[in-house]
N, C-alpha and C. Protein backbone atom coordinates (compact mmCIF):
# COMPACT_ATOMS: atom_id res chain seq x y z
N MET A 1 -46.31 -41.76 57.25
CA MET A 1 -44.64 -41.25 56.87
C MET A 1 -44.97 -39.69 57.04
N THR A 2 -44.39 -39.10 58.02
CA THR A 2 -44.33 -37.94 58.03
C THR A 2 -43.33 -37.09 57.19
N THR A 3 -42.21 -37.79 57.04
CA THR A 3 -41.45 -37.08 55.26
C THR A 3 -41.84 -37.35 54.11
N THR A 4 -41.92 -36.62 53.28
CA THR A 4 -42.37 -37.21 52.05
C THR A 4 -41.35 -37.49 51.35
N SER A 5 -41.75 -38.38 49.99
CA SER A 5 -40.49 -39.19 49.39
C SER A 5 -39.92 -37.94 48.45
N ILE A 6 -40.39 -36.93 48.46
CA ILE A 6 -39.56 -35.51 47.87
C ILE A 6 -38.57 -35.28 48.46
N GLU A 7 -38.46 -34.90 49.81
CA GLU A 7 -38.04 -34.61 50.77
C GLU A 7 -36.71 -35.60 51.17
N ILE A 8 -36.91 -36.97 50.80
CA ILE A 8 -36.05 -38.29 51.03
C ILE A 8 -35.13 -38.23 50.06
N ALA A 9 -35.57 -37.89 48.57
CA ALA A 9 -34.61 -37.95 47.54
C ALA A 9 -33.96 -36.99 47.57
N ARG A 10 -34.29 -35.56 48.39
CA ARG A 10 -33.33 -34.46 48.26
C ARG A 10 -32.19 -34.59 49.31
N GLN A 11 -32.43 -35.21 50.65
CA GLN A 11 -31.95 -36.12 51.63
C GLN A 11 -30.71 -36.86 51.24
N MET A 12 -31.27 -38.11 49.97
CA MET A 12 -30.44 -39.03 49.53
C MET A 12 -29.56 -37.98 48.77
N ALA A 13 -29.76 -37.04 47.98
CA ALA A 13 -28.62 -36.41 47.07
C ALA A 13 -27.67 -35.70 47.99
N GLY A 14 -28.24 -35.06 48.92
CA GLY A 14 -27.28 -34.14 49.81
C GLY A 14 -26.22 -35.01 50.62
N ASP A 15 -27.00 -36.55 51.10
CA ASP A 15 -26.07 -36.90 52.09
C ASP A 15 -24.55 -37.44 50.83
N HIS A 16 -24.80 -37.66 49.60
CA HIS A 16 -23.85 -38.01 48.73
C HIS A 16 -23.22 -37.43 47.93
N ASN A 17 -23.41 -35.98 48.35
CA ASN A 17 -23.22 -34.64 47.72
C ASN A 17 -23.24 -34.90 46.19
N VAL A 18 -24.04 -35.06 45.57
CA VAL A 18 -24.92 -35.06 44.77
C VAL A 18 -25.97 -33.81 43.92
N ALA A 19 -26.37 -32.80 43.03
CA ALA A 19 -26.77 -32.21 43.07
C ALA A 19 -27.98 -32.68 41.70
N LEU A 20 -29.18 -32.86 42.16
CA LEU A 20 -29.96 -33.42 41.52
C LEU A 20 -30.94 -32.33 40.86
N ALA A 21 -31.35 -32.17 40.01
CA ALA A 21 -31.95 -31.37 38.87
C ALA A 21 -33.71 -31.60 39.61
N LYS A 22 -34.51 -30.45 39.52
CA LYS A 22 -35.98 -30.36 40.00
C LYS A 22 -36.59 -31.76 39.77
N GLU A 23 -36.80 -31.82 38.24
CA GLU A 23 -37.28 -32.92 37.17
C GLU A 23 -36.66 -34.70 38.08
N SER A 24 -35.37 -34.71 38.28
CA SER A 24 -34.74 -35.69 38.92
C SER A 24 -35.17 -36.28 40.12
N VAL A 25 -35.46 -35.22 40.82
CA VAL A 25 -35.75 -35.26 42.46
C VAL A 25 -36.95 -35.92 41.97
N HIS A 26 -38.15 -35.51 41.59
CA HIS A 26 -39.58 -35.80 41.54
C HIS A 26 -39.00 -37.35 40.91
N ALA A 27 -38.25 -37.62 39.89
CA ALA A 27 -38.59 -38.90 39.56
C ALA A 27 -38.18 -39.92 40.25
N LEU A 28 -37.12 -39.55 41.02
CA LEU A 28 -36.85 -40.47 41.94
C LEU A 28 -37.50 -40.62 43.18
N ALA A 29 -38.11 -39.78 43.54
CA ALA A 29 -39.50 -39.49 44.60
C ALA A 29 -40.56 -40.71 44.15
N ASP A 30 -40.87 -40.36 42.70
CA ASP A 30 -41.56 -41.27 42.21
C ASP A 30 -41.56 -42.70 42.30
N ILE A 31 -40.34 -43.04 42.84
CA ILE A 31 -39.90 -44.75 42.72
C ILE A 31 -39.58 -44.93 44.07
N LEU A 32 -39.73 -44.18 45.06
CA LEU A 32 -39.35 -44.29 46.42
C LEU A 32 -40.69 -44.98 47.18
N VAL A 33 -40.59 -46.24 48.09
CA VAL A 33 -41.54 -46.63 48.71
C VAL A 33 -41.25 -46.59 50.18
N GLY A 34 -41.96 -46.24 51.13
CA GLY A 34 -41.87 -45.73 52.50
C GLY A 34 -42.38 -46.99 53.17
N ARG A 35 -41.18 -47.59 54.25
CA ARG A 35 -41.96 -48.69 55.06
C ARG A 35 -41.57 -48.60 56.42
N LYS A 36 -42.30 -49.09 57.12
CA LYS A 36 -42.20 -49.09 58.51
C LYS A 36 -42.10 -50.28 59.42
N TYR A 37 -40.97 -50.39 60.01
CA TYR A 37 -40.71 -52.03 60.87
C TYR A 37 -41.02 -51.80 62.43
N LYS A 38 -41.39 -52.68 63.17
CA LYS A 38 -41.00 -53.07 64.39
C LYS A 38 -40.00 -53.12 64.61
N LYS A 39 -39.60 -53.02 65.92
CA LYS A 39 -38.22 -53.83 66.47
C LYS A 39 -38.21 -55.19 66.36
N GLY A 40 -36.97 -55.52 65.94
CA GLY A 40 -37.32 -57.70 65.89
C GLY A 40 -37.68 -57.38 64.68
N GLU A 41 -38.54 -57.05 63.85
CA GLU A 41 -39.18 -57.05 62.56
C GLU A 41 -38.32 -57.50 61.72
N MET A 42 -38.42 -58.67 60.63
CA MET A 42 -37.56 -59.03 59.69
C MET A 42 -37.97 -58.26 58.43
N VAL A 43 -37.16 -57.61 58.05
CA VAL A 43 -37.28 -56.71 56.38
C VAL A 43 -36.77 -57.93 55.37
N LEU A 44 -36.13 -58.63 55.32
CA LEU A 44 -35.61 -59.44 54.44
C LEU A 44 -34.83 -60.87 54.63
N ASN A 45 -35.46 -62.11 54.36
CA ASN A 45 -35.58 -63.36 54.93
C ASN A 45 -34.74 -63.95 54.18
N GLU A 46 -33.75 -64.86 54.58
CA GLU A 46 -32.87 -65.94 53.88
C GLU A 46 -33.82 -66.21 52.75
N GLY A 47 -33.43 -66.48 51.47
CA GLY A 47 -33.85 -67.28 50.82
C GLY A 47 -34.79 -66.25 49.58
N GLU A 48 -35.15 -65.08 50.22
CA GLU A 48 -35.73 -64.28 49.30
C GLU A 48 -34.58 -63.33 48.31
N VAL A 49 -35.19 -62.55 47.37
CA VAL A 49 -34.31 -61.54 46.64
C VAL A 49 -34.19 -60.72 46.90
N CYS A 50 -33.21 -59.67 46.90
CA CYS A 50 -32.81 -58.45 47.38
C CYS A 50 -33.19 -57.50 46.20
N THR A 51 -34.11 -57.09 46.04
CA THR A 51 -35.05 -56.32 44.73
C THR A 51 -34.65 -54.61 44.91
N CYS A 52 -34.11 -54.25 46.20
CA CYS A 52 -34.08 -52.54 46.45
C CYS A 52 -32.82 -52.55 46.86
N VAL A 53 -32.59 -51.40 47.14
CA VAL A 53 -31.58 -50.73 48.23
C VAL A 53 -32.59 -50.15 49.28
N ARG A 54 -32.14 -50.38 50.48
CA ARG A 54 -32.91 -49.63 51.47
C ARG A 54 -32.06 -48.48 52.03
N TYR A 55 -32.48 -47.36 52.13
CA TYR A 55 -32.38 -46.03 52.52
C TYR A 55 -33.09 -45.85 53.85
N ILE A 56 -32.09 -45.54 55.04
CA ILE A 56 -32.80 -45.70 56.67
C ILE A 56 -33.11 -43.95 56.96
N GLU A 57 -34.30 -43.76 57.01
CA GLU A 57 -35.02 -42.36 57.45
C GLU A 57 -34.50 -42.24 59.07
N LYS A 58 -35.14 -43.22 59.61
CA LYS A 58 -35.35 -43.59 61.09
C LYS A 58 -34.90 -45.01 61.90
N GLY A 59 -34.06 -45.20 62.46
CA GLY A 59 -33.91 -46.32 63.17
C GLY A 59 -32.67 -47.18 62.90
N MET A 60 -32.67 -48.36 63.10
CA MET A 60 -31.09 -49.16 62.99
C MET A 60 -31.62 -50.61 62.59
N LEU A 61 -30.79 -51.05 61.28
CA LEU A 61 -31.06 -52.13 60.83
C LEU A 61 -29.58 -53.18 61.17
N ARG A 62 -29.86 -54.33 61.18
CA ARG A 62 -28.84 -55.41 60.90
C ARG A 62 -28.83 -56.53 59.90
N GLN A 63 -27.86 -56.18 59.11
CA GLN A 63 -27.67 -57.71 58.49
C GLN A 63 -26.74 -58.68 58.98
N PHE A 64 -27.25 -60.34 59.00
CA PHE A 64 -26.71 -61.31 59.44
C PHE A 64 -26.83 -62.25 58.54
N TYR A 65 -26.47 -63.70 59.37
CA TYR A 65 -26.52 -64.72 58.45
C TYR A 65 -26.41 -65.96 59.76
N PHE A 66 -26.44 -67.27 58.99
CA PHE A 66 -26.05 -68.14 60.03
C PHE A 66 -24.92 -69.05 59.97
N LYS A 67 -23.95 -69.34 60.78
CA LYS A 67 -22.96 -70.19 60.24
C LYS A 67 -22.43 -71.11 61.30
N TYR A 68 -22.55 -72.36 60.97
CA TYR A 68 -22.78 -73.44 62.00
C TYR A 68 -23.67 -73.36 63.28
N GLY A 69 -24.83 -72.57 62.96
CA GLY A 69 -25.97 -72.42 63.58
C GLY A 69 -25.83 -71.51 64.53
N LYS A 70 -24.70 -70.50 64.45
CA LYS A 70 -24.42 -68.95 64.92
C LYS A 70 -25.12 -67.97 64.09
N ASP A 71 -25.61 -67.32 65.01
CA ASP A 71 -25.75 -66.11 64.19
C ASP A 71 -24.78 -64.96 64.17
N MET A 72 -24.43 -64.23 62.78
CA MET A 72 -23.31 -63.50 62.82
C MET A 72 -23.67 -62.23 62.24
N THR A 73 -23.10 -61.10 62.76
CA THR A 73 -23.59 -59.90 62.15
C THR A 73 -22.61 -59.47 61.55
N GLU A 74 -22.95 -59.02 60.08
CA GLU A 74 -22.18 -58.65 58.63
C GLU A 74 -22.33 -57.18 58.76
N HIS A 75 -23.45 -56.05 59.25
CA HIS A 75 -23.45 -55.04 59.00
C HIS A 75 -24.51 -54.39 59.76
N ILE A 76 -24.42 -53.54 60.17
CA ILE A 76 -25.43 -52.31 61.08
C ILE A 76 -25.62 -51.31 60.19
N ALA A 77 -26.58 -50.48 60.38
CA ALA A 77 -26.76 -49.26 59.46
C ALA A 77 -27.64 -48.43 60.49
N TYR A 78 -27.77 -46.84 60.09
CA TYR A 78 -29.05 -46.34 60.99
C TYR A 78 -28.95 -45.46 60.10
N GLU A 79 -29.62 -44.15 60.68
CA GLU A 79 -30.23 -42.86 60.12
C GLU A 79 -29.05 -42.80 58.60
N LYS A 80 -29.67 -42.20 57.54
CA LYS A 80 -28.82 -42.15 56.34
C LYS A 80 -27.74 -42.70 55.49
N GLY A 81 -28.04 -44.07 56.29
CA GLY A 81 -26.98 -45.53 55.71
C GLY A 81 -28.16 -45.63 54.96
N GLU A 82 -27.45 -46.84 54.12
CA GLU A 82 -28.25 -47.67 53.05
C GLU A 82 -27.86 -49.05 53.45
N VAL A 83 -28.66 -49.97 53.21
CA VAL A 83 -28.27 -51.41 53.17
C VAL A 83 -29.03 -52.11 52.09
N VAL A 84 -28.02 -52.90 51.67
CA VAL A 84 -28.24 -53.85 50.14
C VAL A 84 -27.43 -55.24 50.38
N CYS A 85 -28.05 -56.35 50.03
CA CYS A 85 -27.50 -57.27 49.77
C CYS A 85 -26.71 -57.51 48.30
N LEU A 86 -25.50 -57.37 48.53
CA LEU A 86 -25.17 -56.74 47.20
C LEU A 86 -24.91 -57.77 45.98
N GLU A 87 -24.64 -59.19 46.43
CA GLU A 87 -24.89 -60.11 45.19
C GLU A 87 -26.37 -60.58 45.11
N SER A 88 -26.91 -60.86 45.69
CA SER A 88 -28.58 -60.93 45.53
C SER A 88 -29.10 -59.79 44.75
N TYR A 89 -28.62 -58.88 45.08
CA TYR A 89 -29.24 -57.13 44.41
C TYR A 89 -28.88 -57.60 42.87
N PHE A 90 -27.45 -57.58 42.71
CA PHE A 90 -26.67 -57.61 41.34
C PHE A 90 -27.15 -58.90 40.26
N ARG A 91 -27.42 -59.84 40.74
CA ARG A 91 -27.91 -61.73 40.24
C ARG A 91 -29.31 -61.87 40.46
N GLN A 92 -29.53 -60.83 41.15
CA GLN A 92 -31.43 -61.36 41.39
C GLN A 92 -31.81 -62.61 41.62
N GLU A 93 -30.69 -63.31 42.34
CA GLU A 93 -30.86 -64.42 43.23
C GLU A 93 -31.21 -64.67 44.60
N PRO A 94 -31.55 -65.63 45.13
CA PRO A 94 -32.25 -65.50 46.68
C PRO A 94 -30.88 -65.13 47.47
N THR A 95 -30.99 -64.39 48.57
CA THR A 95 -29.79 -64.34 49.37
C THR A 95 -29.75 -65.13 50.64
N ARG A 96 -28.57 -65.34 51.32
CA ARG A 96 -28.26 -65.99 52.60
C ARG A 96 -28.68 -64.71 53.36
N LEU A 97 -28.16 -63.58 53.14
CA LEU A 97 -28.25 -62.61 54.56
C LEU A 97 -29.57 -62.28 54.54
N MET A 98 -29.64 -61.90 56.13
CA MET A 98 -30.86 -61.41 56.56
C MET A 98 -31.10 -60.06 57.09
N ILE A 99 -32.01 -59.28 57.14
CA ILE A 99 -31.79 -58.00 57.39
C ILE A 99 -33.04 -57.87 58.57
N GLU A 100 -32.91 -57.50 59.86
CA GLU A 100 -34.09 -57.11 60.67
C GLU A 100 -33.49 -55.65 61.53
N ALA A 101 -34.48 -55.47 61.86
CA ALA A 101 -34.89 -53.85 62.21
C ALA A 101 -34.87 -53.88 63.92
N LEU A 102 -33.44 -53.58 64.34
CA LEU A 102 -33.30 -53.39 65.75
C LEU A 102 -33.88 -52.86 66.74
N GLU A 103 -34.37 -51.45 65.89
CA GLU A 103 -35.58 -50.46 66.86
C GLU A 103 -36.63 -50.56 65.59
N PRO A 104 -37.38 -49.56 66.30
CA PRO A 104 -38.65 -49.35 65.38
C PRO A 104 -38.02 -48.65 63.89
N THR A 105 -38.29 -48.72 62.74
CA THR A 105 -37.30 -48.22 61.63
C THR A 105 -38.55 -47.62 60.61
N VAL A 106 -38.15 -46.75 60.09
CA VAL A 106 -38.65 -46.11 59.10
C VAL A 106 -37.72 -45.87 57.90
N LEU A 107 -37.77 -46.66 56.66
CA LEU A 107 -37.04 -46.52 55.54
C LEU A 107 -37.58 -46.87 54.28
N TRP A 108 -36.69 -46.14 53.45
CA TRP A 108 -37.60 -46.08 51.80
C TRP A 108 -36.62 -46.94 50.91
N GLU A 109 -37.61 -47.48 50.33
CA GLU A 109 -37.25 -48.91 48.88
C GLU A 109 -36.67 -47.94 47.92
N ILE A 110 -35.55 -48.25 47.29
CA ILE A 110 -35.24 -47.95 46.30
C ILE A 110 -35.31 -48.97 45.06
N ASP A 111 -36.23 -49.18 44.18
CA ASP A 111 -36.18 -50.34 43.32
C ASP A 111 -35.15 -50.33 42.28
N LYS A 112 -34.88 -51.75 42.14
CA LYS A 112 -33.71 -51.82 41.46
C LYS A 112 -34.24 -51.59 39.82
N ALA A 113 -35.50 -52.16 39.27
CA ALA A 113 -35.64 -51.80 38.10
C ALA A 113 -35.87 -50.51 37.86
N GLY A 114 -36.64 -49.98 38.81
CA GLY A 114 -36.96 -48.44 38.68
C GLY A 114 -35.46 -47.53 38.68
N ILE A 115 -34.65 -47.70 39.84
CA ILE A 115 -33.13 -46.90 39.50
C ILE A 115 -32.63 -47.01 38.17
N ASP A 116 -32.40 -48.45 37.86
CA ASP A 116 -31.89 -48.62 36.97
C ASP A 116 -32.14 -48.17 35.69
N ARG A 117 -33.49 -47.82 35.42
CA ARG A 117 -34.03 -47.04 34.39
C ARG A 117 -33.87 -45.54 34.72
N LEU A 118 -34.00 -45.15 35.61
CA LEU A 118 -34.10 -44.03 35.72
C LEU A 118 -32.52 -43.12 35.68
N SER A 119 -31.55 -44.26 35.77
CA SER A 119 -29.91 -43.82 35.77
C SER A 119 -29.60 -43.49 34.19
N ILE A 120 -30.27 -44.28 33.32
CA ILE A 120 -30.11 -44.18 31.80
C ILE A 120 -30.95 -42.85 31.42
N GLU A 121 -32.21 -42.45 32.09
CA GLU A 121 -32.98 -41.01 31.86
C GLU A 121 -32.17 -40.15 32.15
N TYR A 122 -31.79 -40.07 33.47
CA TYR A 122 -31.04 -38.81 34.12
C TYR A 122 -29.79 -38.98 34.59
N ALA A 123 -28.83 -38.37 33.90
CA ALA A 123 -27.42 -38.56 34.04
C ALA A 123 -27.01 -38.24 35.73
N ASP A 124 -27.63 -37.15 36.58
CA ASP A 124 -27.56 -37.01 37.68
C ASP A 124 -27.99 -38.34 38.46
N ILE A 125 -29.22 -38.60 38.07
CA ILE A 125 -29.36 -39.74 39.25
C ILE A 125 -28.38 -41.24 38.87
N GLY A 126 -28.20 -41.20 37.75
CA GLY A 126 -27.03 -42.30 37.55
C GLY A 126 -25.62 -42.09 38.43
N VAL A 127 -25.25 -40.84 38.80
CA VAL A 127 -24.11 -40.80 39.26
C VAL A 127 -24.47 -40.91 41.08
N LEU A 128 -25.73 -40.94 41.35
CA LEU A 128 -26.61 -41.11 42.76
C LEU A 128 -26.05 -42.01 43.08
N TYR A 129 -26.85 -42.97 42.01
CA TYR A 129 -26.81 -44.48 42.40
C TYR A 129 -25.61 -45.18 42.15
N ARG A 130 -24.62 -44.24 41.34
CA ARG A 130 -23.33 -45.10 41.25
C ARG A 130 -22.89 -44.67 42.72
N LYS A 131 -22.47 -43.56 43.32
CA LYS A 131 -22.14 -43.32 44.67
C LYS A 131 -22.59 -44.33 45.81
N ILE A 132 -23.79 -44.21 45.77
CA ILE A 132 -24.62 -45.19 46.40
C ILE A 132 -23.86 -46.71 46.83
N LEU A 133 -23.67 -47.05 45.40
CA LEU A 133 -23.11 -48.30 45.26
C LEU A 133 -21.85 -48.57 45.89
N GLU A 134 -21.17 -47.42 45.03
CA GLU A 134 -19.64 -47.31 45.55
C GLU A 134 -19.67 -47.38 47.15
N ASN A 135 -20.19 -46.49 47.77
CA ASN A 135 -20.60 -46.76 49.49
C ASN A 135 -20.37 -47.71 49.97
N SER A 136 -21.36 -48.63 49.29
CA SER A 136 -21.66 -49.94 49.71
C SER A 136 -20.45 -51.01 49.59
N LEU A 137 -19.74 -50.58 48.47
CA LEU A 137 -18.75 -51.92 48.47
C LEU A 137 -17.78 -51.24 49.08
N ILE A 138 -16.88 -49.91 49.19
CA ILE A 138 -16.30 -49.60 50.35
C ILE A 138 -16.54 -49.83 51.46
N GLU A 139 -17.38 -49.89 52.11
CA GLU A 139 -17.95 -50.39 53.31
C GLU A 139 -17.35 -51.78 53.60
N SER A 140 -17.78 -52.66 52.69
CA SER A 140 -17.51 -53.79 52.35
C SER A 140 -16.03 -53.84 52.67
N GLN A 141 -15.23 -53.64 51.88
CA GLN A 141 -14.07 -53.53 51.69
C GLN A 141 -13.33 -52.88 53.21
N VAL A 142 -13.91 -52.08 53.65
CA VAL A 142 -13.17 -51.78 54.91
C VAL A 142 -13.23 -52.85 56.03
N LYS A 143 -14.65 -53.11 56.27
CA LYS A 143 -14.77 -54.00 57.00
C LYS A 143 -14.14 -55.45 56.77
N ALA A 144 -13.54 -55.75 55.61
CA ALA A 144 -12.82 -56.86 55.55
C ALA A 144 -11.57 -56.98 56.06
N ASP A 145 -11.41 -55.59 55.48
CA ASP A 145 -9.47 -55.07 55.37
C ASP A 145 -9.59 -54.95 57.11
N THR A 146 -10.42 -54.44 58.04
CA THR A 146 -10.24 -54.09 59.53
C THR A 146 -9.92 -56.08 59.76
N LEU A 147 -10.96 -56.68 59.44
CA LEU A 147 -10.98 -58.25 60.25
C LEU A 147 -9.26 -59.01 59.85
N ARG A 148 -9.36 -58.34 58.35
CA ARG A 148 -7.92 -59.03 58.63
C ARG A 148 -6.71 -58.62 58.77
N PHE A 149 -6.58 -57.31 59.11
CA PHE A 149 -5.21 -56.83 59.24
C PHE A 149 -5.39 -55.99 60.95
N GLU A 150 -6.26 -56.20 61.14
CA GLU A 150 -6.75 -55.35 62.33
C GLU A 150 -6.62 -56.12 63.94
N SER A 151 -5.94 -55.66 65.10
CA SER A 151 -6.10 -56.19 66.30
C SER A 151 -7.86 -55.98 66.79
N ALA A 152 -7.92 -56.65 67.59
CA ALA A 152 -9.57 -56.01 68.40
C ALA A 152 -9.63 -54.89 68.91
N HIS A 153 -8.10 -54.42 69.40
CA HIS A 153 -8.90 -52.89 69.75
C HIS A 153 -8.63 -52.04 68.66
N GLU A 154 -7.95 -52.21 67.82
CA GLU A 154 -8.01 -51.45 66.55
C GLU A 154 -9.24 -51.64 66.08
N ARG A 155 -9.87 -52.90 66.17
CA ARG A 155 -11.53 -52.87 65.20
C ARG A 155 -12.42 -52.09 66.00
N TYR A 156 -12.39 -52.31 67.30
CA TYR A 156 -13.25 -51.38 68.18
C TYR A 156 -12.86 -49.65 68.24
N ASN A 157 -11.74 -49.31 67.80
CA ASN A 157 -11.74 -48.06 67.88
C ASN A 157 -11.87 -47.62 66.62
N LYS A 158 -11.77 -48.30 65.40
CA LYS A 158 -12.24 -47.61 63.97
C LYS A 158 -13.76 -47.75 64.04
N LEU A 159 -14.42 -48.71 64.64
CA LEU A 159 -15.87 -48.76 64.80
C LEU A 159 -16.14 -47.42 65.73
N PHE A 160 -15.52 -47.15 66.67
CA PHE A 160 -15.89 -46.36 67.57
C PHE A 160 -15.65 -44.75 66.80
N GLN A 161 -14.59 -44.64 65.99
CA GLN A 161 -14.39 -43.40 64.74
C GLN A 161 -15.24 -43.39 64.05
N LEU A 162 -15.72 -44.32 63.29
CA LEU A 162 -16.82 -44.12 62.02
C LEU A 162 -18.06 -44.46 62.29
N HIS A 163 -18.73 -44.99 63.24
CA HIS A 163 -20.06 -45.30 63.56
C HIS A 163 -20.31 -45.32 65.16
N PRO A 164 -20.05 -44.38 66.18
CA PRO A 164 -20.13 -44.17 67.50
C PRO A 164 -21.80 -44.60 67.67
N GLU A 165 -22.50 -44.29 67.00
CA GLU A 165 -23.91 -44.82 67.14
C GLU A 165 -23.91 -46.12 67.14
N ILE A 166 -23.51 -46.91 66.41
CA ILE A 166 -23.67 -48.20 66.59
C ILE A 166 -23.27 -48.72 68.13
N LEU A 167 -22.19 -48.21 68.63
CA LEU A 167 -22.10 -48.50 69.79
C LEU A 167 -22.78 -47.97 70.80
N LYS A 168 -23.42 -47.00 70.75
CA LYS A 168 -24.29 -46.49 71.96
C LYS A 168 -25.55 -47.34 71.58
N ARG A 169 -26.36 -47.82 70.41
CA ARG A 169 -27.53 -47.96 70.52
C ARG A 169 -27.65 -49.50 70.22
N ALA A 170 -26.70 -50.35 69.53
CA ALA A 170 -26.95 -51.97 69.23
C ALA A 170 -26.82 -52.51 70.30
N PRO A 171 -27.10 -53.59 70.50
CA PRO A 171 -27.18 -54.67 71.36
C PRO A 171 -25.42 -55.04 71.65
N LEU A 172 -24.88 -55.07 72.53
CA LEU A 172 -23.15 -55.84 72.58
C LEU A 172 -23.22 -56.74 72.29
N VAL A 173 -24.18 -57.79 72.46
CA VAL A 173 -24.07 -59.35 71.28
C VAL A 173 -23.56 -59.02 69.89
N TYR A 174 -24.67 -58.35 69.21
CA TYR A 174 -24.25 -57.81 68.07
C TYR A 174 -23.35 -56.79 67.57
N ILE A 175 -22.74 -56.08 68.49
CA ILE A 175 -21.60 -55.53 68.10
C ILE A 175 -20.24 -56.52 68.32
N ALA A 176 -19.86 -57.10 68.98
CA ALA A 176 -19.37 -58.38 69.32
C ALA A 176 -19.16 -59.13 68.13
N SER A 177 -20.61 -59.53 67.40
CA SER A 177 -20.53 -60.50 66.43
C SER A 177 -19.89 -59.73 65.11
N LEU A 178 -20.20 -58.33 64.97
CA LEU A 178 -19.82 -57.52 64.18
C LEU A 178 -18.43 -57.32 64.14
N LEU A 179 -17.51 -57.29 65.13
CA LEU A 179 -16.40 -56.98 65.45
C LEU A 179 -15.51 -58.40 65.15
N GLN A 180 -16.50 -59.70 65.08
CA GLN A 180 -15.87 -60.78 65.41
C GLN A 180 -15.08 -61.23 66.71
N MET A 181 -15.75 -60.78 67.95
CA MET A 181 -14.78 -61.00 68.90
C MET A 181 -15.92 -61.54 69.94
N THR A 182 -15.53 -62.05 70.92
CA THR A 182 -16.76 -63.03 71.90
C THR A 182 -16.85 -61.74 72.75
N PRO A 183 -18.22 -61.88 73.07
CA PRO A 183 -18.65 -60.65 73.86
C PRO A 183 -17.86 -60.25 75.04
N GLU A 184 -16.82 -61.26 75.71
CA GLU A 184 -16.24 -61.19 76.75
C GLU A 184 -15.16 -60.43 76.31
N THR A 185 -14.54 -60.72 74.95
CA THR A 185 -13.26 -59.84 74.54
C THR A 185 -13.70 -58.63 74.51
N LEU A 186 -14.99 -58.02 73.58
CA LEU A 186 -15.69 -56.41 73.68
C LEU A 186 -15.64 -56.00 74.92
N SER A 187 -15.98 -56.80 76.35
CA SER A 187 -15.95 -55.66 77.20
C SER A 187 -14.75 -55.60 77.77
N ARG A 188 -13.75 -56.31 77.76
CA ARG A 188 -12.33 -56.23 77.96
C ARG A 188 -11.86 -54.75 77.10
N VAL A 189 -12.19 -55.13 75.55
CA VAL A 189 -11.59 -53.99 74.51
C VAL A 189 -12.01 -52.66 75.39
N ARG A 190 -13.85 -52.85 75.25
CA ARG A 190 -14.32 -51.53 75.78
C ARG A 190 -13.44 -50.77 77.38
N SER A 191 -13.57 -51.74 78.16
CA SER A 191 -13.10 -50.98 79.40
C SER A 191 -11.36 -50.61 79.43
N ALA A 192 -10.81 -51.50 78.44
CA ALA A 192 -9.60 -50.79 77.98
C ALA A 192 -9.41 -49.37 77.30
N SER A 193 -10.44 -49.27 76.19
CA SER A 193 -10.39 -48.00 75.77
C SER A 193 -10.79 -47.06 76.42
N LEU A 194 -11.85 -47.35 77.39
CA LEU A 194 -12.54 -46.28 78.22
C LEU A 194 -11.21 -45.54 79.17
N ASN A 195 -10.22 -46.52 79.46
CA ASN A 195 -9.76 -46.29 80.82
C ASN A 195 -7.94 -45.83 79.66
N SER A 196 -7.98 -45.56 78.76
CA SER A 196 -7.06 -45.09 78.09
C SER A 196 -6.54 -43.74 77.70
């Protein structure tokens, strides 16, 4: 790891516009665990319990599940994003979601028991933790609303506005699955967007 846990703690606070006191930065850094994954490597398997929030320093992760034998992409995140299987995380029960590295990835795990404890001890860490979880919930709601109310073109354009990196870096088959389209529909929508 070239970046230190203290730098990551500061970076996370900055990403969420939370001013952490020096002792809070050090307390948070103490519970961060850095991990590296190769492209295609599994970060979390179905049936495991999600015990941490994962903050991505470098690379890209995909959350997915199987439905009727088909691989369905739920979420794609990259640098400065967090990934958590919310239901498994809050209930500490096995997850049906899986996480895999789409690129060589460096991430930092924020242990649930550790951050729960620190949130009680340090008010500023409590604020940061709440913002991390709020972001995750809002992202889930935005995705659900997009799928419910928007056309294929609108879904593609929203992804382009919010996360152009996904369109640049993720395999097309996963982008299509994320947007709940066939790869053929995605190709049509993409060329229509480029020509408009």
